[in-house]
Amino acid sequence: MQEYILYFTMFSLIVGALSSLKLCFHRNTSNVLIGEGLMAIVVATFLVVLSQKFHIPFGETVALFIIVAGPVGTIAFSAVMRKKK
């Protein structure tokens, strides 16, 4: 992988992470859930890129776990919030 592609990918992921953090800090519950889902995707993609660059064998496994745990956490949070009403 060429260096400028790697740097552009990392910069794009950082911008995505900052926008998801901005969404997470809004008071609306739906924005928090959207921000959490976006952050899970950004972190998993970041891990896959780093594991490819530095030849980390378990990077894809951790990224897969984050991709699965993100929606599960969102569904669990939604179920808890629904019961409070």
C-alpha atoms as a PDB file:
ATOM      1  CA  MET A   1       0.000   0.000   0.000  1.00  0.00           C
ATOM      2  CA  GLN A   2       1.426   3.356  -0.968  1.00  0.00           C
ATOM      3  CA  GLU A   3       2.106   5.889   1.757  1.00  0.00           C
ATOM      4  CA  TYR A   4      -0.139   8.688   0.481  1.00  0.00           C
ATOM      5  CA  ILE A   5      -3.103   6.301   0.265  1.00  0.00           C
ATOM      6  CA  LEU A   6      -2.487   5.257   3.851  1.00  0.00           C
ATOM      7  CA  TYR A   7      -2.265   8.870   5.043  1.00  0.00           C
ATOM      8  CA  PHE A   8      -5.425   9.864   3.177  1.00  0.00           C
ATOM      9  CA  THR A   9      -7.273   6.882   4.656  1.00  0.00           C
ATOM     10  CA  MET A  10      -6.137   7.750   8.179  1.00  0.00           C
ATOM     11  CA  PHE A  11      -7.123  11.396   7.706  1.00  0.00           C
ATOM     12  CA  SER A  12     -10.552  10.387   6.416  1.00  0.00           C
ATOM     13  CA  LEU A  13     -11.072   8.055   9.358  1.00  0.00           C
ATOM     14  CA  ILE A  14     -10.105  10.782  11.825  1.00  0.00           C
ATOM     15  CA  VAL A  15     -12.609  13.174  10.238  1.00  0.00           C
ATOM     16  CA  GLY A  16     -15.279  10.452  10.444  1.00  0.00           C
ATOM     17  CA  ALA A  17     -14.443   9.786  14.081  1.00  0.00           C
ATOM     18  CA  LEU A  18     -14.721  13.472  14.960  1.00  0.00           C
ATOM     19  CA  SER A  19     -18.087  13.776  13.229  1.00  0.00           C
ATOM     20  CA  SER A  20     -19.380  10.696  15.038  1.00  0.00           C
ATOM     21  CA  LEU A  21     -18.207  12.137  18.360  1.00  0.00           C
ATOM     22  CA  LYS A  22     -20.074  15.337  17.567  1.00  0.00           C
ATOM     23  CA  LEU A  23     -23.207  13.288  16.988  1.00  0.00           C
ATOM     24  CA  CYS A  24     -22.670  11.325  20.208  1.00  0.00           C
ATOM     25  CA  PHE A  25     -22.716  14.462  22.336  1.00  0.00           C
ATOM     26  CA  HIS A  26     -26.106  15.693  21.158  1.00  0.00           C
ATOM     27  CA  ARG A  27     -29.008  15.307  23.541  1.00  0.00           C
ATOM     28  CA  ASN A  28     -31.235  13.438  21.112  1.00  0.00           C
ATOM     29  CA  THR A  29     -31.095   9.665  21.642  1.00  0.00           C
ATOM     30  CA  SER A  30     -31.219   8.850  17.941  1.00  0.00           C
ATOM     31  CA  ASN A  31     -28.141  10.996  17.303  1.00  0.00           C
ATOM     32  CA  VAL A  32     -26.273   9.150  20.041  1.00  0.00           C
ATOM     33  CA  LEU A  33     -27.143   5.791  18.485  1.00  0.00           C
ATOM     34  CA  ILE A  34     -26.126   6.947  15.012  1.00  0.00           C
ATOM     35  CA  GLY A  35     -22.841   8.341  16.338  1.00  0.00           C
ATOM     36  CA  GLU A  36     -22.111   5.104  18.191  1.00  0.00           C
ATOM     37  CA  GLY A  37     -22.726   3.025  15.079  1.00  0.00           C
ATOM     38  CA  LEU A  38     -20.538   5.290  12.974  1.00  0.00           C
ATOM     39  CA  MET A  39     -17.759   5.189  15.561  1.00  0.00           C
ATOM     40  CA  ALA A  40     -17.803   1.379  15.572  1.00  0.00           C
ATOM     41  CA  ILE A  41     -17.383   1.322  11.792  1.00  0.00           C
ATOM     42  CA  VAL A  42     -14.588   3.909  11.873  1.00  0.00           C
ATOM     43  CA  VAL A  43     -12.642   2.102  14.610  1.00  0.00           C
ATOM     44  CA  ALA A  44     -13.012  -1.273  12.888  1.00  0.00           C
ATOM     45  CA  THR A  45     -11.831   0.153   9.571  1.00  0.00           C
ATOM     46  CA  PHE A  46      -8.901   1.825  11.310  1.00  0.00           C
ATOM     47  CA  LEU A  47      -7.921  -1.511  12.875  1.00  0.00           C
ATOM     48  CA  VAL A  48      -8.097  -3.329   9.550  1.00  0.00           C
ATOM     49  CA  VAL A  49      -5.908  -0.718   7.849  1.00  0.00           C
ATOM     50  CA  LEU A  50      -3.348  -0.812  10.667  1.00  0.00           C
ATOM     51  CA  SER A  51      -3.296  -4.602  10.752  1.00  0.00           C
ATOM     52  CA  GLN A  52      -2.651  -4.703   7.000  1.00  0.00           C
ATOM     53  CA  LYS A  53       0.121  -2.110   7.233  1.00  0.00           C
ATOM     54  CA  PHE A  54       1.943  -3.563  10.244  1.00  0.00           C
ATOM     55  CA  HIS A  55       1.065  -7.249   9.671  1.00  0.00           C
ATOM     56  CA  ILE A  56      -0.876  -7.726  12.915  1.00  0.00           C
ATOM     57  CA  PRO A  57      -2.534 -11.157  12.665  1.00  0.00           C
ATOM     58  CA  PHE A  58      -5.428 -10.587  15.074  1.00  0.00           C
ATOM     59  CA  GLY A  59      -6.446  -7.123  13.808  1.00  0.00           C
ATOM     60  CA  GLU A  60      -9.202  -8.391  11.544  1.00  0.00           C
ATOM     61  CA  THR A  61     -10.637 -10.538  14.342  1.00  0.00           C
ATOM     62  CA  VAL A  62     -10.859  -7.586  16.707  1.00  0.00           C
ATOM     63  CA  ALA A  63     -12.398  -5.457  13.947  1.00  0.00           C
ATOM     64  CA  LEU A  64     -14.997  -8.145  13.275  1.00  0.00           C
ATOM     65  CA  PHE A  65     -15.860  -8.233  16.974  1.00  0.00           C
ATOM     66  CA  ILE A  66     -16.301  -4.454  17.023  1.00  0.00           C
ATOM     67  CA  ILE A  67     -18.501  -4.587  13.920  1.00  0.00           C
ATOM     68  CA  VAL A  68     -20.715  -7.212  15.603  1.00  0.00           C
ATOM     69  CA  ALA A  69     -20.703  -5.589  19.059  1.00  0.00           C
ATOM     70  CA  GLY A  70     -21.666  -2.133  17.736  1.00  0.00           C
ATOM     71  CA  PRO A  71     -25.161  -3.025  16.482  1.00  0.00           C
ATOM     72  CA  VAL A  72     -25.731  -5.397  19.416  1.00  0.00           C
ATOM     73  CA  GLY A  73     -24.979  -2.545  21.824  1.00  0.00           C
ATOM     74  CA  THR A  74     -27.284  -0.243  19.876  1.00  0.00           C
ATOM     75  CA  ILE A  75     -30.128  -2.754  20.032  1.00  0.00           C
ATOM     76  CA  ALA A  76     -29.569  -3.315  23.757  1.00  0.00           C
ATOM     77  CA  PHE A  77     -29.510   0.433  24.433  1.00  0.00           C
ATOM     78  CA  SER A  78     -32.713   0.882  22.424  1.00  0.00           C
ATOM     79  CA  ALA A  79     -34.421  -1.887  24.389  1.00  0.00           C
ATOM     80  CA  VAL A  80     -33.434  -0.301  27.705  1.00  0.00           C
ATOM     81  CA  MET A  81     -34.620   3.124  26.590  1.00  0.00           C
ATOM     82  CA  ARG A  82     -37.919   1.688  25.380  1.00  0.00           C
ATOM     83  CA  LYS A  83     -38.611   0.129  28.795  1.00  0.00           C
ATOM     84  CA  LYS A  84     -38.078   3.455  30.585  1.00  0.00           C
ATOM     85  CA  LYS A  85     -41.050   5.096  28.848  1.00  0.00           C
END
